[in-house]
Amino acid sequence: MMKWRLLSALLRVLFMAGLCNGCLMSGSDYKFRLRLQEKLIGNERGRAWIPCAFTAPMRALSGRQVWFRRSPEFPLSPAEVQKKDGLMRPMISTESECSVVLWDLQDTTEEYGFMLEWGANERHVFPDRVKVASCVAKVELTPSTYSNDLVAGEETFFNCSLSKHCPGIDPKITWKGLSSKPLLTQKSQKEMHKYSGYSEQLLYTPIPEDHRAEITCEATFGENLTASAKTILTVHSHPQILNSSACTLLQDRLTCVCVSQGVPLPDIHWPLLQNKHYLIKSRASYKHTTSTFTMTVGNFTSNSTVMCISRNYLGQTNMTLPVNNINGLRNAYRWTIKGLLIGLFITLTFCVLCFLMKAKYQRVTKVPYSSLEKRTETLKTTP
């Protein structure tokens, strides 16, 4: 009976916690935050759908939601904006939807913002802005995949397409962010009544350095109108072992470090440790995987080597790591220092001897002044 009471109390607590999802702690309040699904939205036949959601302090939630053009001094009239729920689902229970549809839009590019008004002339203007343009660019990868993952060394097409509402002037397309030179550029154009649909394909072979690179296609129409789109590349590449990988031998302690890069990050294996139980430390960063182990050996010399193997789904590679004998290096450094000290001692001794010999020579050849005076007087008195 006691167990059932405890279970019932626990379920009641969990139920209340679920009802109070996002409840405030005592003395706290929510902050102003606006979440926009897109910052650039296309104008489709004079209309634009803007999905958005926001959080605000409790005192402002009952206020009025206002959309404006360019600055808060130009709020939209009810004929220009209509609330449209369901365009963006709130992520948490404390988030409110502010999605709208804009009407009677012109072909020019305009910037829109959102603010809340409540109480006696109180308001909060969210700093985020959304642009509505009649000419919108879009970047697509060909062949398209669900993940848009590319493989280094395999050719692919980047497609920069412009909406049909862009001006009928042959635009200048500029690609930015690519690490190497494109292989081929293909243009296509469809004539329409008033506007021209335009796209440009870029044949490109990605390299490992393109991973997580942001590429941009920018279309320029004359001097005043531009449209651009960006995408971040995911480039898979074969594993590579870096030259910073090496082994060191200090007395009978062997320590090896293998550093490898690739996408996805590769796994590192040591054939020397196969079927042996040794502690291997591994760590992964954004670009590299590092594997380190230390073991006691008895017959390793400076001519011995250790193999490191790096592997991901694209393949594997290996590198034979040289063993740097720290004991030998220490001995070499020791003898080098001894040689320098001996050479310095000989040089100083030679300098001291030269100085002494020079001083002795000067004493022997120097004639006292008094002796010269006596010799001069003797010469004068002699008839």
Protein backbone atom coordinates (compact mmCIF):
# COMPACT_ATOMS: atom_id res chain seq x y z
CA MET A 1 0.00 0.00 0.00
CA MET A 2 2.88 2.34 0.85
CA LYS A 3 4.48 1.68 -2.55
CA TRP A 4 1.30 2.70 -4.38
CA ARG A 5 1.11 5.95 -2.39
CA LEU A 6 4.71 6.79 -3.23
CA LEU A 7 4.11 6.01 -6.90
CA SER A 8 0.99 8.18 -6.93
CA ALA A 9 2.85 11.09 -5.34
CA LEU A 10 5.67 10.76 -7.87
CA LEU A 11 3.23 10.76 -10.79
CA ARG A 12 1.51 13.86 -9.36
CA VAL A 13 4.84 15.68 -9.16
CA LEU A 14 5.75 14.74 -12.73
CA PHE A 15 2.31 15.87 -13.93
CA MET A 16 2.66 19.25 -12.24
CA ALA A 17 6.15 19.62 -13.68
CA GLY A 18 4.77 18.95 -17.15
CA LEU A 19 2.07 21.58 -16.65
CA CYS A 20 4.68 24.01 -15.44
CA ASN A 21 7.07 23.51 -18.36
CA GLY A 22 8.94 26.80 -18.62
CA CYS A 23 7.52 28.17 -15.32
CA LEU A 24 9.53 30.96 -13.80
CA MET A 25 11.53 30.72 -10.65
CA SER A 26 10.68 33.17 -7.89
CA GLY A 27 11.98 36.66 -8.63
CA SER A 28 12.84 35.98 -12.30
CA ASP A 29 11.24 36.88 -15.61
CA TYR A 30 11.61 36.10 -19.30
CA LYS A 31 13.80 38.10 -21.66
CA PHE A 32 12.93 39.66 -24.99
CA ARG A 33 13.97 37.36 -27.84
CA LEU A 34 12.81 37.13 -31.45
CA ARG A 35 13.29 34.01 -33.58
CA LEU A 36 13.06 34.41 -37.36
CA GLN A 37 13.11 31.42 -39.65
CA GLU A 38 14.71 33.42 -42.50
CA LYS A 39 16.29 36.85 -42.75
CA LEU A 40 15.63 37.21 -46.51
CA ILE A 41 12.19 36.37 -47.92
CA GLY A 42 11.00 36.55 -51.51
CA ASN A 43 8.14 38.70 -52.71
CA GLU A 44 5.64 36.45 -54.49
CA ARG A 45 3.05 38.40 -56.46
CA GLY A 46 2.95 41.21 -53.90
CA ARG A 47 2.81 38.93 -50.86
CA ALA A 48 5.37 37.62 -48.37
CA TRP A 49 5.01 35.09 -45.55
CA ILE A 50 7.18 35.82 -42.48
CA PRO A 51 7.39 32.99 -39.91
CA CYS A 52 8.47 34.18 -36.45
CA ALA A 53 8.13 33.54 -32.71
CA PHE A 54 9.12 35.52 -29.62
CA THR A 55 9.48 35.46 -25.85
CA ALA A 56 8.90 38.47 -23.61
CA PRO A 57 8.47 39.36 -19.93
CA MET A 58 5.06 38.68 -18.46
CA ARG A 59 4.18 42.38 -18.37
CA ALA A 60 4.53 42.68 -22.16
CA LEU A 61 2.73 39.53 -23.29
CA SER A 62 -0.67 41.16 -23.16
CA GLY A 63 0.52 44.06 -25.28
CA ARG A 64 -0.01 44.77 -28.96
CA GLN A 65 2.13 43.16 -31.67
CA VAL A 66 3.24 45.71 -34.26
CA TRP A 67 5.15 45.19 -37.53
CA PHE A 68 6.84 48.18 -39.12
CA ARG A 69 8.69 49.09 -42.33
CA ARG A 70 12.29 50.39 -41.99
CA SER A 71 11.80 51.99 -38.52
CA PRO A 72 9.21 51.94 -35.69
CA GLU A 73 7.94 55.35 -36.86
CA PHE A 74 6.35 53.60 -39.88
CA PRO A 75 4.02 50.87 -38.53
CA LEU A 76 2.09 48.78 -41.04
CA SER A 77 -1.63 49.32 -41.37
CA PRO A 78 -4.15 46.45 -40.98
CA ALA A 79 -4.51 46.41 -44.78
CA GLU A 80 -0.77 45.72 -45.20
CA VAL A 81 -0.28 42.95 -42.63
CA GLN A 82 -2.34 39.98 -41.50
CA LYS A 83 -1.55 37.63 -38.61
CA LYS A 84 -0.98 34.07 -39.81
CA ASP A 85 -0.65 31.35 -37.18
CA GLY A 86 0.93 28.01 -37.97
CA LEU A 87 3.91 29.22 -40.02
CA MET A 88 6.32 28.58 -37.13
CA ARG A 89 5.74 26.22 -34.26
CA PRO A 90 6.98 27.55 -30.87
CA MET A 91 9.97 25.60 -29.54
CA ILE A 92 9.02 26.03 -25.86
CA SER A 93 5.76 26.68 -24.05
CA THR A 94 6.78 30.26 -23.17
CA GLU A 95 7.22 31.21 -26.82
CA SER A 96 4.44 33.02 -28.72
CA GLU A 97 3.98 33.05 -32.48
CA CYS A 98 4.11 36.34 -34.39
CA SER A 99 3.93 35.03 -37.99
CA VAL A 100 2.27 37.34 -40.53
CA VAL A 101 1.50 37.78 -44.22
CA LEU A 102 2.46 41.06 -45.86
CA TRP A 103 0.20 42.39 -48.63
CA ASP A 104 0.48 44.87 -51.52
CA LEU A 105 4.26 44.77 -51.64
CA GLN A 106 6.23 46.69 -54.25
CA ASP A 107 9.09 45.31 -56.36
CA THR A 108 11.66 47.16 -54.27
CA THR A 109 13.61 45.60 -51.40
CA GLU A 110 12.30 46.62 -47.98
CA GLU A 111 13.33 45.87 -44.39
CA TYR A 112 10.73 45.00 -41.75
CA GLY A 113 10.88 44.81 -37.97
CA PHE A 114 8.71 43.76 -35.02
CA MET A 115 7.92 45.44 -31.69
CA LEU A 116 5.63 45.10 -28.67
CA GLU A 117 3.59 47.95 -27.13
CA TRP A 118 1.93 47.79 -23.70
CA GLY A 119 0.95 49.90 -20.72
CA ALA A 120 1.38 53.64 -20.73
CA ASN A 121 3.49 54.26 -23.84
CA GLU A 122 5.86 51.35 -23.13
CA ARG A 123 7.32 49.38 -25.99
CA HIS A 124 10.20 47.12 -26.95
CA VAL A 125 11.70 47.07 -30.44
CA PHE A 126 13.41 43.80 -31.32
CA PRO A 127 16.76 44.41 -33.06
CA ASP A 128 16.30 41.60 -35.60
CA ARG A 129 15.19 42.55 -39.11
CA VAL A 130 13.89 40.63 -42.11
CA LYS A 131 14.30 41.75 -45.71
CA VAL A 132 11.62 41.20 -48.33
CA ALA A 133 12.93 41.36 -51.90
CA SER A 134 11.45 40.72 -55.29
CA CYS A 135 14.78 39.29 -56.47
CA VAL A 136 16.08 36.41 -54.35
CA ALA A 137 19.05 34.12 -55.02
CA LYS A 138 19.39 30.47 -54.00
CA VAL A 139 22.39 28.10 -53.89
CA GLU A 140 21.87 24.39 -54.59
CA LEU A 141 24.28 21.48 -54.88
CA THR A 142 24.03 19.05 -57.79
CA PRO A 143 23.54 16.15 -57.57
CA SER A 144 21.42 16.99 -54.55
CA THR A 145 21.44 14.62 -51.60
CA TYR A 146 19.58 14.60 -48.32
CA SER A 147 22.69 15.71 -46.42
CA ASN A 148 24.41 17.70 -49.20
CA ASP A 149 27.70 16.08 -48.20
CA LEU A 150 30.49 16.35 -50.78
CA VAL A 151 33.59 14.20 -51.18
CA ALA A 152 36.98 15.79 -51.74
CA GLY A 153 38.28 15.09 -55.23
CA GLU A 154 34.86 14.33 -56.75
CA GLU A 155 33.39 16.87 -59.18
CA THR A 156 30.11 18.55 -58.30
CA PHE A 157 27.94 21.39 -59.59
CA PHE A 158 27.01 24.49 -57.60
CA ASN A 159 23.84 26.05 -58.95
CA CYS A 160 23.04 29.72 -58.29
CA SER A 161 19.46 30.38 -59.34
CA LEU A 162 17.57 33.68 -59.27
CA SER A 163 13.86 34.10 -58.86
CA LYS A 164 11.78 35.04 -61.88
CA HIS A 165 11.12 38.50 -60.46
CA CYS A 166 14.72 39.58 -60.88
CA PRO A 167 15.29 42.25 -63.58
CA GLY A 168 15.72 41.12 -67.15
CA ILE A 169 19.32 42.35 -67.27
CA ASP A 170 22.08 39.81 -67.71
CA PRO A 171 23.49 39.72 -64.15
CA LYS A 172 27.10 39.37 -63.13
CA ILE A 173 27.52 36.32 -60.87
CA THR A 174 30.40 36.31 -58.39
CA TRP A 175 31.37 33.25 -56.35
CA LYS A 176 33.18 33.76 -53.06
CA GLY A 177 34.69 31.43 -50.49
CA LEU A 178 36.05 28.68 -52.77
CA SER A 179 39.55 27.41 -51.97
CA SER A 180 40.53 26.43 -55.52
CA LYS A 181 39.73 27.49 -59.09
CA PRO A 182 36.43 26.28 -60.67
CA LEU A 183 36.66 23.98 -63.68
CA LEU A 184 33.73 25.25 -65.75
CA THR A 185 30.92 27.83 -65.67
CA GLN A 186 27.60 27.27 -67.45
CA LYS A 187 24.85 29.89 -67.79
CA SER A 188 21.18 29.40 -68.61
CA GLN A 189 18.44 31.96 -69.18
CA LYS A 190 14.70 31.70 -69.78
CA GLU A 191 12.89 34.52 -71.49
CA MET A 192 9.60 35.54 -69.87
CA HIS A 193 7.06 38.35 -70.43
CA LYS A 194 8.66 40.98 -68.22
CA TYR A 195 11.24 39.19 -66.15
CA SER A 196 13.94 36.66 -66.89
CA GLY A 197 14.71 33.58 -64.82
CA TYR A 198 18.46 33.09 -64.60
CA SER A 199 20.80 30.45 -63.20
CA GLU A 200 24.49 29.71 -63.33
CA GLN A 201 26.16 26.36 -62.73
CA LEU A 202 29.70 26.06 -61.46
CA LEU A 203 31.63 22.81 -61.96
CA TYR A 204 33.94 22.46 -58.99
CA THR A 205 36.18 19.85 -57.39
CA PRO A 206 36.16 20.36 -53.62
CA ILE A 207 39.32 19.88 -51.57
CA PRO A 208 39.63 19.03 -47.84
CA GLU A 209 40.19 22.71 -47.02
CA ASP A 210 36.64 23.45 -48.25
CA HIS A 211 35.10 21.62 -45.28
CA ARG A 212 32.81 23.99 -43.33
CA ALA A 213 33.64 26.80 -45.75
CA GLU A 214 30.92 29.34 -46.45
CA ILE A 215 30.44 29.96 -50.15
CA THR A 216 28.42 32.82 -51.57
CA CYS A 217 26.92 33.49 -54.97
CA GLU A 218 26.21 37.16 -55.53
CA ALA A 219 24.27 38.51 -58.50
CA THR A 220 24.72 42.14 -59.47
CA PHE A 221 22.17 43.92 -61.69
CA GLY A 222 23.47 47.26 -62.87
CA GLU A 223 24.62 49.45 -59.97
CA ASN A 224 21.83 49.44 -57.38
CA LEU A 225 20.40 45.93 -57.11
CA THR A 226 22.13 42.81 -55.80
CA ALA A 227 20.95 39.42 -54.64
CA SER A 228 23.07 36.86 -52.81
CA ALA A 229 22.80 33.47 -51.15
CA LYS A 230 25.13 31.50 -48.89
CA THR A 231 25.64 27.87 -47.94
CA ILE A 232 28.11 26.03 -45.72
CA LEU A 233 29.84 23.05 -47.30
CA THR A 234 30.36 19.66 -45.71
CA VAL A 235 33.28 18.01 -47.52
CA HIS A 236 34.23 14.44 -46.62
CA SER A 237 37.87 13.52 -47.17
CA HIS A 238 40.22 10.57 -46.85
CA PRO A 239 42.28 10.37 -43.67
CA GLN A 240 45.72 11.96 -43.59
CA ILE A 241 48.43 11.51 -40.96
CA LEU A 242 50.26 14.73 -40.14
CA ASN A 243 54.02 15.11 -39.96
CA SER A 244 53.76 16.14 -36.31
CA SER A 245 53.27 12.46 -35.45
CA ALA A 246 56.36 10.91 -33.82
CA CYS A 247 57.73 8.58 -31.12
CA THR A 248 60.25 9.31 -28.36
CA LEU A 249 62.35 6.85 -26.36
CA LEU A 250 63.50 7.87 -22.87
CA GLN A 251 65.51 5.04 -21.29
CA ASP A 252 63.03 2.13 -21.59
CA ARG A 253 59.84 4.26 -21.91
CA LEU A 254 58.41 4.55 -25.43
CA THR A 255 55.81 7.30 -26.06
CA CYS A 256 54.11 7.65 -29.46
CA VAL A 257 51.74 10.34 -30.74
CA CYS A 258 49.75 10.04 -33.99
CA VAL A 259 47.80 13.04 -35.31
CA SER A 260 45.34 12.52 -38.18
CA GLN A 261 42.74 14.59 -40.01
CA GLY A 262 39.82 13.71 -42.26
CA VAL A 263 36.03 13.96 -42.47
CA PRO A 264 34.48 12.15 -40.74
CA LEU A 265 37.23 12.22 -38.12
CA PRO A 266 39.21 9.00 -38.53
CA ASP A 267 39.98 6.28 -36.00
CA ILE A 268 43.64 5.62 -35.17
CA HIS A 269 45.07 2.12 -34.66
CA TRP A 270 48.49 0.86 -33.50
CA PRO A 271 49.55 -2.55 -34.89
CA LEU A 272 52.29 -2.67 -32.22
CA LEU A 273 49.62 -2.86 -29.51
CA GLN A 274 47.53 -5.55 -31.17
CA ASN A 275 46.42 -8.19 -28.64
CA LYS A 276 48.14 -6.19 -25.89
CA HIS A 277 46.51 -4.22 -23.12
CA TYR A 278 47.95 -0.71 -22.91
CA LEU A 279 46.34 2.60 -22.04
CA ILE A 280 45.70 4.64 -25.20
CA LYS A 281 44.65 8.25 -24.80
CA SER A 282 42.61 9.72 -27.64
CA ARG A 283 41.15 13.16 -28.12
CA ALA A 284 39.32 14.76 -31.02
CA SER A 285 39.04 18.40 -31.98
CA TYR A 286 37.19 20.13 -34.78
CA LYS A 287 39.84 19.15 -37.36
CA HIS A 288 42.14 16.50 -35.86
CA THR A 289 42.19 13.22 -33.97
CA THR A 290 45.16 12.55 -31.66
CA SER A 291 46.10 9.16 -30.20
CA THR A 292 48.88 8.68 -27.61
CA PHE A 293 50.27 5.65 -25.79
CA THR A 294 53.22 4.89 -23.48
CA MET A 295 54.79 1.47 -22.94
CA THR A 296 57.94 -0.11 -21.54
CA VAL A 297 60.30 -1.63 -24.13
CA GLY A 298 63.59 -3.44 -23.87
CA ASN A 299 65.20 -3.62 -27.28
CA PHE A 300 64.23 -0.36 -29.02
CA THR A 301 66.95 1.73 -30.63
CA SER A 302 67.10 4.91 -32.72
CA ASN A 303 66.69 2.72 -35.83
CA SER A 304 63.40 1.20 -34.61
CA THR A 305 60.04 2.35 -36.06
CA VAL A 306 56.36 2.24 -35.09
CA MET A 307 53.41 2.16 -37.54
CA CYS A 308 50.27 4.30 -37.12
CA ILE A 309 47.07 3.53 -39.10
CA SER A 310 44.27 6.08 -39.66
CA ARG A 311 40.90 4.94 -41.01
CA ASN A 312 37.42 6.26 -41.88
CA TYR A 313 34.68 5.04 -44.24
CA LEU A 314 36.48 6.48 -47.29
CA GLY A 315 39.63 4.43 -46.73
CA GLN A 316 42.75 4.22 -44.61
CA THR A 317 46.35 5.37 -44.61
CA ASN A 318 49.41 4.55 -42.54
CA MET A 319 52.71 6.15 -41.60
CA THR A 320 55.90 4.68 -40.16
CA LEU A 321 56.94 6.88 -37.26
CA PRO A 322 60.64 7.28 -36.43
CA VAL A 323 61.78 6.81 -32.84
CA ASN A 324 63.68 9.78 -31.42
CA ASN A 325 66.14 8.57 -28.77
CA ILE A 326 66.12 11.28 -26.12
CA ASN A 327 69.01 9.61 -24.27
CA GLY A 328 71.22 9.93 -27.35
CA LEU A 329 70.13 13.52 -27.82
CA ARG A 330 70.94 14.30 -24.22
CA ASN A 331 74.41 12.79 -24.59
CA ALA A 332 74.97 14.74 -27.80
CA TYR A 333 73.86 17.96 -26.10
CA ARG A 334 76.11 17.17 -23.14
CA TRP A 335 79.20 16.67 -25.32
CA THR A 336 78.35 19.75 -27.34
CA ILE A 337 78.20 21.87 -24.20
CA LYS A 338 81.47 20.36 -22.94
CA GLY A 339 83.16 21.15 -26.25
CA LEU A 340 81.94 24.73 -26.14
CA LEU A 341 83.19 25.17 -22.57
CA ILE A 342 86.63 23.71 -23.42
CA GLY A 343 86.92 25.96 -26.49
CA LEU A 344 85.94 28.99 -24.39
CA PHE A 345 88.54 28.08 -21.73
CA ILE A 346 91.32 27.72 -24.33
CA THR A 347 90.38 31.04 -25.92
CA LEU A 348 90.41 32.86 -22.58
CA THR A 349 93.75 31.26 -21.62
CA PHE A 350 95.29 32.33 -24.91
CA CYS A 351 94.04 35.90 -24.43
CA VAL A 352 95.46 36.07 -20.90
CA LEU A 353 98.89 34.78 -22.08
CA CYS A 354 98.97 37.33 -24.88
CA PHE A 355 98.15 40.12 -22.47
CA LEU A 356 100.92 39.06 -20.04
CA MET A 357 103.52 38.76 -22.80
CA LYS A 358 102.64 42.20 -24.12
CA ALA A 359 102.93 43.76 -20.68
CA LYS A 360 106.34 42.15 -20.08
CA TYR A 361 107.61 43.38 -23.44
CA GLN A 362 106.52 46.93 -22.64
CA ARG A 363 108.41 46.86 -19.30
CA VAL A 364 111.63 45.66 -20.96
CA THR A 365 111.63 48.25 -23.74
CA LYS A 366 110.59 51.22 -21.57
CA VAL A 367 113.56 53.59 -20.57
CA PRO A 368 113.09 55.61 -17.34
CA TYR A 369 112.92 59.42 -17.81
CA SER A 370 115.48 60.12 -15.05
CA SER A 371 118.04 57.94 -16.83
CA LEU A 372 117.58 59.94 -19.99
CA GLU A 373 118.21 63.24 -18.11
CA LYS A 374 121.49 61.97 -16.63
CA ARG A 375 122.69 60.79 -20.01
CA THR A 376 121.93 64.21 -21.52
CA GLU A 377 123.87 66.09 -18.80
CA THR A 378 126.85 63.78 -19.28
CA LEU A 379 126.94 64.57 -22.96
CA LYS A 380 126.85 68.33 -22.26
CA THR A 381 129.78 68.30 -19.78
CA THR A 382 132.04 66.25 -21.99
CA PRO A 383 134.64 68.63 -23.82
